[in-house]
Amino acid sequence: MTLIEVCSNSLQSAINAEKGGAHRIELCENLEAGGITPSPATILMAKEKLRIPVFVLIRPRGGNFVYDDLDFERMKRNIAFCKSAGVDGVVIGVLNEDGTIDIERNSELVQAAKPMQCTFHRAFDRCENPKLALEQIIEMGFDRILTSGQADSAENGAVLLRELVSLADSRIQIMPGAGVNSKNISAILKATNANEIHFSAKQKKGDNDGYFETNELEVRRCAEQVR
């Protein structure tokens, strides 16, 4: 079975995703900035209301993935809060200024997160050497990598994604994400050999400019395509 993870930018979005057939949620806020860590109340209420696993994005701000000491301390404290709230996993990623993996800080975050699962997010797509980064991420103990195959979409990054799945050799999950929808989800899975996939299924919410919410019907369409 293909596992469907939906990136949800609010509690209502997460509820919509579960109703549509998502198997797991990546919970965040402010998708317009690429996503940041949601509020404690949102995290707690998601755990109260959802039956499926909830992973929380640990990202203190938008922009790049190079963090100063204050940013990093916030990340550690957010991970500690997630653990205390019974969160199932966290989604993290820290880079050095030269585009390499910050092994020391990522390792510290993975250790702090245990026994929660850890996903290395799309910071991977900014790595200079994806094959070396793959091995480093595996060595640090991550459970999966969310990636578009270093392209603008998972569809366009399918060649690298397929290679990463092969190189991973079941040591870690490679989860395609970016630009995934009900029209291309089957083709992406076939082209990459991945067995997990990530998308947001977002739609504009009413007349609220700039605010998007997960579309339950689109999640359902995607779920039907991969059954």
Protein backbone atom coordinates (compact mmCIF):
# COMPACT_ATOMS: atom_id res chain seq x y z
CA MET A 1 0.00 0.00 0.00
CA THR A 2 1.19 3.51 -0.83
CA LEU A 3 1.23 5.77 2.21
CA ILE A 4 -0.24 9.23 1.67
CA GLU A 5 1.06 12.12 3.75
CA VAL A 6 -0.74 15.45 3.49
CA CYS A 7 0.91 18.73 4.41
CA SER A 8 -1.76 20.61 6.37
CA ASN A 9 -1.37 24.26 7.32
CA SER A 10 -4.11 24.37 9.96
CA LEU A 11 -6.17 22.18 12.24
CA GLN A 12 -9.12 22.30 9.82
CA SER A 13 -6.84 21.33 6.95
CA ALA A 14 -5.62 18.33 8.95
CA ILE A 15 -9.19 17.27 9.68
CA ASN A 16 -10.07 17.61 5.98
CA ALA A 17 -7.04 15.52 5.02
CA GLU A 18 -7.98 12.71 7.38
CA LYS A 19 -11.55 12.69 6.08
CA GLY A 20 -10.20 12.49 2.53
CA GLY A 21 -8.16 9.38 3.28
CA ALA A 22 -4.71 10.63 4.30
CA HIS A 23 -2.63 8.14 6.27
CA ARG A 24 -0.46 10.76 7.98
CA ILE A 25 -0.33 14.53 8.46
CA GLU A 26 2.60 16.92 8.28
CA LEU A 27 1.29 19.78 10.40
CA CYS A 28 2.59 23.29 9.84
CA GLU A 29 1.54 26.91 9.52
CA ASN A 30 2.19 29.61 6.92
CA LEU A 31 2.62 27.53 3.80
CA GLU A 32 3.00 30.81 1.92
CA ALA A 33 6.49 31.04 3.46
CA GLY A 34 7.19 27.36 2.87
CA GLY A 35 5.81 26.31 6.25
CA ILE A 36 6.88 26.96 9.83
CA THR A 37 6.23 25.25 13.16
CA PRO A 38 2.54 25.45 14.18
CA SER A 39 1.39 26.80 17.54
CA PRO A 40 1.28 24.58 20.63
CA ALA A 41 -2.52 24.80 20.66
CA THR A 42 -2.71 23.58 17.06
CA ILE A 43 -0.42 20.66 17.84
CA LEU A 44 -2.36 19.63 20.95
CA MET A 45 -5.74 19.90 19.24
CA ALA A 46 -4.52 17.91 16.24
CA LYS A 47 -3.48 15.08 18.55
CA GLU A 48 -6.86 15.26 20.29
CA LYS A 49 -8.96 15.23 17.12
CA LEU A 50 -7.07 13.05 14.64
CA ARG A 51 -6.76 9.29 14.62
CA ILE A 52 -3.93 9.15 12.11
CA PRO A 53 -0.26 9.94 12.92
CA VAL A 54 0.71 13.60 13.20
CA PHE A 55 4.19 14.76 12.21
CA VAL A 56 5.09 18.36 13.04
CA LEU A 57 7.31 20.62 10.98
CA ILE A 58 10.16 22.00 13.10
CA ARG A 59 11.14 25.16 11.27
CA PRO A 60 11.49 28.42 13.20
CA ARG A 61 11.19 30.74 10.22
CA GLY A 62 10.93 30.93 6.46
CA GLY A 63 13.92 31.43 4.20
CA ASN A 64 17.02 29.27 4.12
CA PHE A 65 17.89 26.29 6.32
CA VAL A 66 21.00 27.76 7.95
CA TYR A 67 20.13 28.56 11.55
CA ASP A 68 21.80 30.64 14.24
CA ASP A 69 22.00 29.59 17.89
CA LEU A 70 18.65 31.17 18.81
CA ASP A 71 16.88 29.47 15.92
CA PHE A 72 18.43 26.16 16.87
CA GLU A 73 17.42 26.50 20.52
CA ARG A 74 13.83 27.16 19.44
CA MET A 75 13.92 24.03 17.31
CA LYS A 76 15.10 21.91 20.25
CA ARG A 77 12.43 23.32 22.53
CA ASN A 78 9.72 22.74 19.93
CA ILE A 79 10.87 19.13 19.60
CA ALA A 80 10.70 18.72 23.38
CA PHE A 81 7.16 20.10 23.35
CA CYS A 82 6.13 17.75 20.54
CA LYS A 83 7.48 14.79 22.47
CA SER A 84 5.53 15.81 25.58
CA ALA A 85 2.37 16.21 23.46
CA GLY A 86 2.61 12.67 22.09
CA VAL A 87 3.41 13.72 18.53
CA ASP A 88 4.31 10.81 16.26
CA GLY A 89 7.14 12.41 14.31
CA VAL A 90 8.98 15.61 13.47
CA VAL A 91 10.12 17.04 10.16
CA ILE A 92 13.50 18.77 10.31
CA GLY A 93 16.56 19.77 8.32
CA VAL A 94 19.62 21.97 8.91
CA LEU A 95 22.22 22.93 6.31
CA ASN A 96 25.60 24.61 6.37
CA GLU A 97 26.13 27.79 4.40
CA ASP A 98 27.90 25.87 1.62
CA GLY A 99 24.85 23.66 0.99
CA THR A 100 26.15 20.62 2.85
CA ILE A 101 24.34 18.78 5.63
CA ASP A 102 24.99 20.13 9.14
CA ILE A 103 25.75 16.73 10.62
CA GLU A 104 26.31 17.92 14.19
CA ARG A 105 23.05 19.81 14.55
CA ASN A 106 20.88 17.33 12.66
CA SER A 107 22.27 14.50 14.77
CA GLU A 108 21.48 16.42 17.94
CA LEU A 109 17.89 16.98 16.79
CA VAL A 110 17.38 13.33 15.85
CA GLN A 111 18.64 12.22 19.26
CA ALA A 112 16.42 14.76 20.99
CA ALA A 113 13.40 13.56 19.02
CA LYS A 114 13.65 9.86 19.86
CA PRO A 115 11.46 7.81 19.98
CA MET A 116 9.52 10.02 17.52
CA GLN A 117 10.19 9.40 13.84
CA CYS A 118 12.25 11.94 11.91
CA THR A 119 11.79 13.13 8.34
CA PHE A 120 14.50 15.19 6.64
CA HIS A 121 12.52 17.79 4.72
CA ARG A 122 13.11 19.56 1.41
CA ALA A 123 16.27 21.22 2.64
CA PHE A 124 17.59 18.10 0.91
CA ASP A 125 16.74 19.73 -2.42
CA ARG A 126 19.27 22.48 -1.73
CA CYS A 127 22.12 20.06 -1.01
CA GLU A 128 25.08 20.26 -3.36
CA ASN A 129 25.65 16.49 -3.44
CA PRO A 130 22.37 14.56 -3.04
CA LYS A 131 23.96 11.11 -3.05
CA LEU A 132 26.41 12.02 -0.29
CA ALA A 133 23.59 13.74 1.61
CA LEU A 134 21.49 10.57 1.35
CA GLU A 135 24.19 8.49 3.04
CA GLN A 136 24.74 11.10 5.75
CA ILE A 137 21.01 11.32 6.51
CA ILE A 138 20.77 7.54 6.75
CA GLU A 139 23.79 7.45 9.07
CA MET A 140 22.22 10.04 11.37
CA GLY A 141 19.16 7.86 11.89
CA PHE A 142 16.44 9.60 9.91
CA ASP A 143 13.44 7.54 8.83
CA ARG A 144 12.67 9.27 5.53
CA ILE A 145 13.57 12.08 3.17
CA LEU A 146 10.97 14.39 1.65
CA THR A 147 12.29 15.55 -1.71
CA SER A 148 11.27 16.73 -5.17
CA GLY A 149 14.38 15.15 -6.63
CA GLN A 150 16.02 18.59 -6.59
CA ALA A 151 13.60 19.83 -9.26
CA ASP A 152 10.71 22.29 -9.19
CA SER A 153 8.32 19.36 -8.84
CA ALA A 154 8.45 15.65 -8.05
CA GLU A 155 7.23 14.96 -11.59
CA ASN A 156 10.24 16.78 -13.07
CA GLY A 157 12.60 15.25 -10.50
CA ALA A 158 11.47 11.67 -11.12
CA VAL A 159 14.79 10.46 -12.55
CA LEU A 160 16.78 11.43 -9.45
CA LEU A 161 13.96 10.26 -7.17
CA ARG A 162 14.05 6.81 -8.75
CA GLU A 163 17.84 6.71 -8.33
CA LEU A 164 17.56 7.75 -4.68
CA VAL A 165 14.97 5.02 -4.02
CA SER A 166 17.36 2.49 -5.53
CA LEU A 167 20.38 3.78 -3.60
CA ALA A 168 18.39 3.87 -0.36
CA ASP A 169 17.70 0.15 -0.79
CA SER A 170 15.04 0.14 1.96
CA ARG A 171 17.43 1.71 4.50
CA ILE A 172 15.30 4.87 4.48
CA GLN A 173 12.06 5.95 2.83
CA ILE A 174 12.29 8.36 -0.11
CA MET A 175 9.04 10.34 -0.19
CA PRO A 176 8.38 12.40 -3.34
CA GLY A 177 6.72 15.76 -2.79
CA ALA A 178 6.08 19.08 -4.63
CA GLY A 179 3.49 19.55 -7.34
CA VAL A 180 1.78 16.22 -6.62
CA ASN A 181 -1.93 16.05 -7.43
CA SER A 182 -4.63 13.61 -8.46
CA LYS A 183 -3.68 13.96 -12.14
CA ASN A 184 -0.03 12.96 -11.76
CA ILE A 185 0.24 10.99 -8.51
CA SER A 186 0.04 7.57 -10.19
CA ALA A 187 2.64 8.47 -12.80
CA ILE A 188 5.05 9.82 -10.16
CA LEU A 189 4.77 6.67 -8.06
CA LYS A 190 5.29 4.46 -11.10
CA ALA A 191 8.28 6.51 -12.30
CA THR A 192 10.02 6.61 -8.91
CA ASN A 193 9.16 3.25 -7.27
CA ALA A 194 8.39 5.17 -4.06
CA ASN A 195 5.84 3.80 -1.62
CA GLU A 196 5.17 7.03 0.28
CA ILE A 197 4.07 10.33 -1.27
CA HIS A 198 3.46 13.86 0.02
CA PHE A 199 1.20 16.68 -1.16
CA SER A 200 -0.86 19.57 0.22
CA ALA A 201 -4.07 19.45 -1.90
CA LYS A 202 -4.51 23.09 -1.00
CA GLN A 203 -7.24 25.36 -2.28
CA LYS A 204 -8.08 29.00 -1.67
CA LYS A 205 -10.47 29.39 1.24
CA GLY A 206 -13.41 31.62 0.29
CA ASP A 207 -12.61 35.30 -0.13
CA ASN A 208 -9.77 35.20 2.38
CA ASP A 209 -6.87 36.43 0.23
CA GLY A 210 -3.73 34.37 0.58
CA TYR A 211 -5.27 31.73 2.87
CA PHE A 212 -5.39 28.13 1.72
CA GLU A 213 -6.94 25.01 3.19
CA THR A 214 -6.57 21.31 2.39
CA ASN A 215 -9.23 20.17 -0.07
CA GLU A 216 -10.82 16.98 1.25
CA LEU A 217 -12.12 16.02 -2.21
CA GLU A 218 -8.67 16.32 -3.81
CA VAL A 219 -7.15 14.15 -1.07
CA ARG A 220 -9.88 11.60 -1.77
CA ARG A 221 -9.12 11.69 -5.51
CA CYS A 222 -5.42 11.09 -4.83
CA ALA A 223 -6.20 8.24 -2.45
CA GLU A 224 -8.37 6.59 -5.07
CA GLN A 225 -5.54 6.80 -7.61
CA VAL A 226 -3.11 4.83 -5.43
CA ARG A 227 -5.38 2.12 -4.08
